[in-house]
Amino acid sequence: MTPSTPQNKCSQGSKPGIWAKLNSDLKSPWLIHLKGALFVLAGIAAAVAVFIQIPSLTTAVLLGVMVWAFCRFYYYLFYVLERYLGREKKFAGIFDAVKYLLFGSRNKK
């Protein structure tokens, strides 16, 4: 890059390695556990906020069923599809798994 070329602030900026560090997979067990704990805290905070707005037994039961159902769906996407239904490679994430469910193996290159 020449000095006269304008540089986008969203691109790598003055620290060329920082975007690669932010965009890479987590390797530290401590950070992985912290990320999991933050997901739990975010879920609890959202459930408490909903329950505060509509405090009833029905709301509590529906929140519980919702959490259980989404956990089972996650298990289905990342365990059942890979282990029992012959998926030859692991999914990259939820969107990859849903794309596989919707379009099957038609997207193979």
N, C-alpha and C. Protein backbone atom coordinates (compact mmCIF):
# COMPACT_ATOMS: atom_id res chain seq x y z
N MET A 1 0.85 -1.17 0.00
CA MET A 1 0.00 0.00 0.00
C MET A 1 0.89 1.23 0.00
N THR A 2 0.61 2.18 -0.86
CA THR A 2 1.41 3.40 -0.94
C THR A 2 0.91 4.41 0.06
N PRO A 3 1.75 5.36 0.46
CA PRO A 3 1.33 6.35 1.46
C PRO A 3 0.16 7.22 1.00
N SER A 4 -0.03 7.39 -0.31
CA SER A 4 -1.11 8.25 -0.79
C SER A 4 -2.45 7.53 -0.86
N THR A 5 -2.47 6.21 -0.64
CA THR A 5 -3.71 5.45 -0.70
C THR A 5 -4.50 5.64 0.58
N PRO A 6 -5.77 6.09 0.49
CA PRO A 6 -6.57 6.21 1.72
C PRO A 6 -6.85 4.84 2.32
N GLN A 7 -6.87 4.80 3.62
CA GLN A 7 -7.09 3.53 4.31
C GLN A 7 -8.41 3.56 5.05
N ASN A 8 -9.21 2.53 4.86
CA ASN A 8 -10.49 2.40 5.53
C ASN A 8 -10.25 2.09 7.00
N LYS A 9 -10.94 2.79 7.91
CA LYS A 9 -10.76 2.55 9.34
C LYS A 9 -11.23 1.17 9.75
N CYS A 10 -12.17 0.57 9.01
CA CYS A 10 -12.68 -0.75 9.33
C CYS A 10 -11.70 -1.85 8.91
N SER A 11 -10.81 -1.51 7.97
CA SER A 11 -9.82 -2.52 7.59
C SER A 11 -8.79 -2.61 8.69
N GLN A 12 -7.71 -3.23 8.48
CA GLN A 12 -6.80 -3.62 9.52
C GLN A 12 -6.25 -2.47 10.37
N GLY A 13 -6.30 -1.25 9.90
CA GLY A 13 -5.91 -0.11 10.71
C GLY A 13 -4.42 -0.09 10.98
N SER A 14 -4.04 0.55 12.10
CA SER A 14 -2.63 0.70 12.41
C SER A 14 -2.02 -0.56 12.99
N LYS A 15 -2.83 -1.49 13.47
CA LYS A 15 -2.33 -2.75 14.01
C LYS A 15 -2.76 -3.88 13.09
N PRO A 16 -1.88 -4.33 12.20
CA PRO A 16 -2.29 -5.30 11.18
C PRO A 16 -2.77 -6.64 11.72
N GLY A 17 -2.33 -7.06 12.88
CA GLY A 17 -2.70 -8.38 13.37
C GLY A 17 -3.94 -8.42 14.24
N ILE A 18 -4.51 -7.27 14.58
CA ILE A 18 -5.61 -7.26 15.54
C ILE A 18 -6.88 -7.89 14.98
N TRP A 19 -7.20 -7.67 13.69
CA TRP A 19 -8.40 -8.28 13.13
C TRP A 19 -8.28 -9.79 13.09
N ALA A 20 -7.11 -10.29 12.76
CA ALA A 20 -6.91 -11.74 12.73
C ALA A 20 -7.08 -12.33 14.13
N LYS A 21 -6.65 -11.62 15.16
CA LYS A 21 -6.80 -12.10 16.53
C LYS A 21 -8.27 -12.11 16.96
N LEU A 22 -9.02 -11.09 16.58
CA LEU A 22 -10.43 -11.02 16.96
C LEU A 22 -11.28 -12.01 16.18
N ASN A 23 -10.84 -12.36 14.99
CA ASN A 23 -11.63 -13.21 14.12
C ASN A 23 -11.26 -14.69 14.23
N SER A 24 -10.26 -15.03 15.01
CA SER A 24 -9.82 -16.42 15.10
C SER A 24 -10.63 -17.18 16.16
N ASP A 25 -10.52 -18.50 16.13
CA ASP A 25 -11.22 -19.34 17.10
C ASP A 25 -10.58 -19.19 18.47
N LEU A 26 -11.41 -19.33 19.50
CA LEU A 26 -10.90 -19.30 20.86
C LEU A 26 -10.10 -20.57 21.13
N LYS A 27 -8.95 -20.42 21.72
CA LYS A 27 -8.12 -21.57 22.07
C LYS A 27 -7.97 -21.71 23.59
N SER A 28 -8.10 -20.62 24.30
CA SER A 28 -7.89 -20.62 25.74
C SER A 28 -9.09 -21.25 26.45
N PRO A 29 -8.87 -22.30 27.24
CA PRO A 29 -9.98 -22.90 28.00
C PRO A 29 -10.68 -21.90 28.91
N TRP A 30 -9.90 -21.00 29.51
CA TRP A 30 -10.48 -20.00 30.40
C TRP A 30 -11.46 -19.11 29.64
N LEU A 31 -11.08 -18.64 28.45
CA LEU A 31 -11.96 -17.78 27.66
C LEU A 31 -13.19 -18.54 27.17
N ILE A 32 -13.03 -19.81 26.85
CA ILE A 32 -14.17 -20.62 26.42
C ILE A 32 -15.17 -20.77 27.56
N HIS A 33 -14.68 -21.02 28.77
CA HIS A 33 -15.57 -21.12 29.93
C HIS A 33 -16.22 -19.77 30.24
N LEU A 34 -15.47 -18.68 30.09
CA LEU A 34 -16.03 -17.35 30.31
C LEU A 34 -17.14 -17.07 29.31
N LYS A 35 -16.93 -17.43 28.06
CA LYS A 35 -17.96 -17.23 27.03
C LYS A 35 -19.22 -18.03 27.37
N GLY A 36 -19.06 -19.27 27.82
CA GLY A 36 -20.21 -20.08 28.23
C GLY A 36 -20.95 -19.45 29.40
N ALA A 37 -20.19 -18.96 30.37
CA ALA A 37 -20.80 -18.33 31.54
C ALA A 37 -21.56 -17.06 31.14
N LEU A 38 -21.02 -16.31 30.20
CA LEU A 38 -21.71 -15.10 29.74
C LEU A 38 -23.01 -15.44 29.01
N PHE A 39 -23.02 -16.55 28.26
CA PHE A 39 -24.26 -16.99 27.63
C PHE A 39 -25.31 -17.35 28.68
N VAL A 40 -24.89 -18.04 29.73
CA VAL A 40 -25.83 -18.40 30.81
C VAL A 40 -26.37 -17.15 31.48
N LEU A 41 -25.49 -16.19 31.77
CA LEU A 41 -25.93 -14.94 32.40
C LEU A 41 -26.89 -14.16 31.50
N ALA A 42 -26.61 -14.11 30.21
CA ALA A 42 -27.50 -13.42 29.28
C ALA A 42 -28.87 -14.10 29.23
N GLY A 43 -28.89 -15.43 29.23
CA GLY A 43 -30.15 -16.16 29.23
C GLY A 43 -30.95 -15.94 30.50
N ILE A 44 -30.26 -15.98 31.63
CA ILE A 44 -30.94 -15.73 32.91
C ILE A 44 -31.50 -14.32 32.97
N ALA A 45 -30.71 -13.35 32.52
CA ALA A 45 -31.15 -11.95 32.53
C ALA A 45 -32.39 -11.77 31.64
N ALA A 46 -32.39 -12.40 30.48
CA ALA A 46 -33.55 -12.28 29.59
C ALA A 46 -34.78 -12.94 30.20
N ALA A 47 -34.60 -14.12 30.80
CA ALA A 47 -35.73 -14.81 31.42
C ALA A 47 -36.30 -14.01 32.59
N VAL A 48 -35.41 -13.44 33.40
CA VAL A 48 -35.86 -12.61 34.54
C VAL A 48 -36.61 -11.38 34.03
N ALA A 49 -36.09 -10.75 32.97
CA ALA A 49 -36.75 -9.56 32.43
C ALA A 49 -38.15 -9.89 31.92
N VAL A 50 -38.30 -11.01 31.23
CA VAL A 50 -39.63 -11.42 30.75
C VAL A 50 -40.54 -11.72 31.93
N PHE A 51 -40.02 -12.44 32.92
CA PHE A 51 -40.84 -12.82 34.07
C PHE A 51 -41.24 -11.60 34.90
N ILE A 52 -40.38 -10.58 34.96
CA ILE A 52 -40.74 -9.35 35.69
C ILE A 52 -41.88 -8.63 34.98
N GLN A 53 -41.85 -8.64 33.65
CA GLN A 53 -42.92 -7.97 32.90
C GLN A 53 -44.25 -8.71 33.00
N ILE A 54 -44.21 -10.04 33.01
CA ILE A 54 -45.43 -10.85 33.07
C ILE A 54 -45.24 -11.92 34.16
N PRO A 55 -45.37 -11.54 35.42
CA PRO A 55 -45.12 -12.50 36.50
C PRO A 55 -46.30 -13.44 36.73
N SER A 56 -46.21 -14.63 36.14
CA SER A 56 -47.25 -15.63 36.36
C SER A 56 -46.64 -17.02 36.23
N LEU A 57 -47.34 -17.99 36.74
CA LEU A 57 -46.88 -19.37 36.64
C LEU A 57 -46.83 -19.81 35.18
N THR A 58 -47.79 -19.35 34.40
CA THR A 58 -47.82 -19.70 32.97
C THR A 58 -46.56 -19.19 32.26
N THR A 59 -46.16 -17.94 32.56
CA THR A 59 -44.96 -17.38 31.96
C THR A 59 -43.73 -18.19 32.35
N ALA A 60 -43.63 -18.57 33.61
CA ALA A 60 -42.48 -19.36 34.07
C ALA A 60 -42.43 -20.72 33.37
N VAL A 61 -43.58 -21.37 33.25
CA VAL A 61 -43.64 -22.68 32.59
C VAL A 61 -43.28 -22.54 31.11
N LEU A 62 -43.83 -21.53 30.44
CA LEU A 62 -43.53 -21.34 29.02
C LEU A 62 -42.05 -21.02 28.79
N LEU A 63 -41.46 -20.24 29.67
CA LEU A 63 -40.02 -19.97 29.56
C LEU A 63 -39.21 -21.25 29.72
N GLY A 64 -39.61 -22.07 30.68
CA GLY A 64 -38.93 -23.35 30.89
C GLY A 64 -39.04 -24.27 29.69
N VAL A 65 -40.24 -24.36 29.12
CA VAL A 65 -40.45 -25.20 27.93
C VAL A 65 -39.64 -24.66 26.76
N MET A 66 -39.59 -23.34 26.61
CA MET A 66 -38.83 -22.74 25.53
C MET A 66 -37.35 -23.08 25.63
N VAL A 67 -36.79 -22.93 26.82
CA VAL A 67 -35.37 -23.24 27.01
C VAL A 67 -35.12 -24.72 26.74
N TRP A 68 -35.96 -25.59 27.28
CA TRP A 68 -35.80 -27.03 27.07
C TRP A 68 -35.88 -27.37 25.58
N ALA A 69 -36.87 -26.81 24.88
CA ALA A 69 -37.05 -27.13 23.46
C ALA A 69 -35.87 -26.66 22.61
N PHE A 70 -35.36 -25.46 22.87
CA PHE A 70 -34.21 -25.00 22.11
C PHE A 70 -32.95 -25.80 22.44
N CYS A 71 -32.80 -26.23 23.67
CA CYS A 71 -31.66 -27.09 24.01
C CYS A 71 -31.75 -28.43 23.28
N ARG A 72 -32.92 -29.00 23.20
CA ARG A 72 -33.10 -30.25 22.46
C ARG A 72 -32.86 -30.07 20.97
N PHE A 73 -33.29 -28.93 20.41
CA PHE A 73 -33.04 -28.66 19.00
C PHE A 73 -31.54 -28.52 18.74
N TYR A 74 -30.83 -27.86 19.64
CA TYR A 74 -29.39 -27.72 19.52
C TYR A 74 -28.72 -29.10 19.56
N TYR A 75 -29.16 -29.94 20.48
CA TYR A 75 -28.66 -31.32 20.56
C TYR A 75 -28.91 -32.06 19.26
N TYR A 76 -30.11 -31.89 18.72
CA TYR A 76 -30.45 -32.53 17.44
C TYR A 76 -29.52 -32.06 16.33
N LEU A 77 -29.28 -30.76 16.23
CA LEU A 77 -28.43 -30.23 15.17
C LEU A 77 -26.99 -30.72 15.26
N PHE A 78 -26.44 -30.73 16.46
CA PHE A 78 -25.01 -30.98 16.58
C PHE A 78 -24.64 -32.37 17.07
N TYR A 79 -25.58 -33.16 17.47
CA TYR A 79 -25.24 -34.51 17.88
C TYR A 79 -25.97 -35.54 17.02
N VAL A 80 -27.27 -35.43 16.94
CA VAL A 80 -28.07 -36.43 16.21
C VAL A 80 -27.71 -36.43 14.72
N LEU A 81 -27.68 -35.25 14.11
CA LEU A 81 -27.38 -35.20 12.68
C LEU A 81 -25.99 -35.75 12.36
N GLU A 82 -25.01 -35.43 13.21
CA GLU A 82 -23.65 -35.88 12.95
C GLU A 82 -23.45 -37.35 13.26
N ARG A 83 -24.02 -37.83 14.35
CA ARG A 83 -23.76 -39.20 14.81
C ARG A 83 -24.67 -40.25 14.19
N TYR A 84 -25.95 -39.93 14.07
CA TYR A 84 -26.92 -40.95 13.69
C TYR A 84 -27.42 -40.85 12.25
N LEU A 85 -27.30 -39.69 11.63
CA LEU A 85 -27.85 -39.54 10.29
C LEU A 85 -26.78 -39.44 9.21
N GLY A 86 -25.56 -39.83 9.54
CA GLY A 86 -24.52 -39.98 8.53
C GLY A 86 -23.89 -38.72 8.00
N ARG A 87 -23.96 -37.64 8.71
CA ARG A 87 -23.26 -36.43 8.25
C ARG A 87 -21.77 -36.70 8.32
N GLU A 88 -21.06 -36.54 7.20
CA GLU A 88 -19.65 -36.93 7.13
C GLU A 88 -18.70 -35.91 7.76
N LYS A 89 -19.13 -34.66 7.91
CA LYS A 89 -18.26 -33.67 8.55
C LYS A 89 -19.06 -32.87 9.56
N LYS A 90 -18.36 -32.23 10.48
CA LYS A 90 -19.02 -31.45 11.51
C LYS A 90 -19.55 -30.15 10.93
N PHE A 91 -20.60 -29.62 11.55
CA PHE A 91 -21.16 -28.36 11.13
C PHE A 91 -20.31 -27.21 11.67
N ALA A 92 -20.23 -26.13 10.91
CA ALA A 92 -19.47 -24.96 11.34
C ALA A 92 -20.25 -24.15 12.39
N GLY A 93 -21.56 -24.25 12.39
CA GLY A 93 -22.38 -23.50 13.33
C GLY A 93 -23.84 -23.78 13.08
N ILE A 94 -24.70 -23.06 13.77
CA ILE A 94 -26.13 -23.28 13.66
C ILE A 94 -26.63 -23.00 12.24
N PHE A 95 -26.16 -21.92 11.63
CA PHE A 95 -26.63 -21.59 10.28
C PHE A 95 -26.21 -22.66 9.27
N ASP A 96 -25.03 -23.21 9.45
CA ASP A 96 -24.56 -24.29 8.58
C ASP A 96 -25.45 -25.52 8.75
N ALA A 97 -25.82 -25.85 9.98
CA ALA A 97 -26.67 -27.01 10.24
C ALA A 97 -28.07 -26.80 9.67
N VAL A 98 -28.64 -25.61 9.85
CA VAL A 98 -29.97 -25.33 9.32
C VAL A 98 -29.95 -25.35 7.79
N LYS A 99 -28.88 -24.81 7.19
CA LYS A 99 -28.75 -24.85 5.73
C LYS A 99 -28.71 -26.29 5.24
N TYR A 100 -28.01 -27.16 5.99
CA TYR A 100 -27.97 -28.57 5.63
C TYR A 100 -29.36 -29.20 5.73
N LEU A 101 -30.11 -28.83 6.77
CA LEU A 101 -31.46 -29.36 6.92
C LEU A 101 -32.38 -28.91 5.78
N LEU A 102 -32.27 -27.65 5.39
CA LEU A 102 -33.14 -27.11 4.36
C LEU A 102 -32.79 -27.58 2.94
N PHE A 103 -31.48 -27.64 2.67
CA PHE A 103 -31.05 -27.94 1.30
C PHE A 103 -30.36 -29.27 1.15
N GLY A 104 -30.09 -29.96 2.25
CA GLY A 104 -29.44 -31.26 2.19
C GLY A 104 -28.05 -31.18 1.60
N SER A 105 -27.68 -32.20 0.89
CA SER A 105 -26.34 -32.26 0.32
C SER A 105 -26.29 -31.68 -1.09
N ARG A 106 -27.33 -30.95 -1.49
CA ARG A 106 -27.35 -30.35 -2.83
C ARG A 106 -26.32 -29.27 -2.99
N ASN A 107 -25.81 -28.70 -1.86
CA ASN A 107 -24.84 -27.60 -1.93
C ASN A 107 -23.40 -28.07 -2.04
N LYS A 108 -23.17 -29.35 -2.27
CA LYS A 108 -21.80 -29.83 -2.37
C LYS A 108 -21.14 -29.26 -3.62
N LYS A 109 -19.87 -28.89 -3.45
CA LYS A 109 -19.13 -28.31 -4.58
C LYS A 109 -18.33 -29.36 -5.28
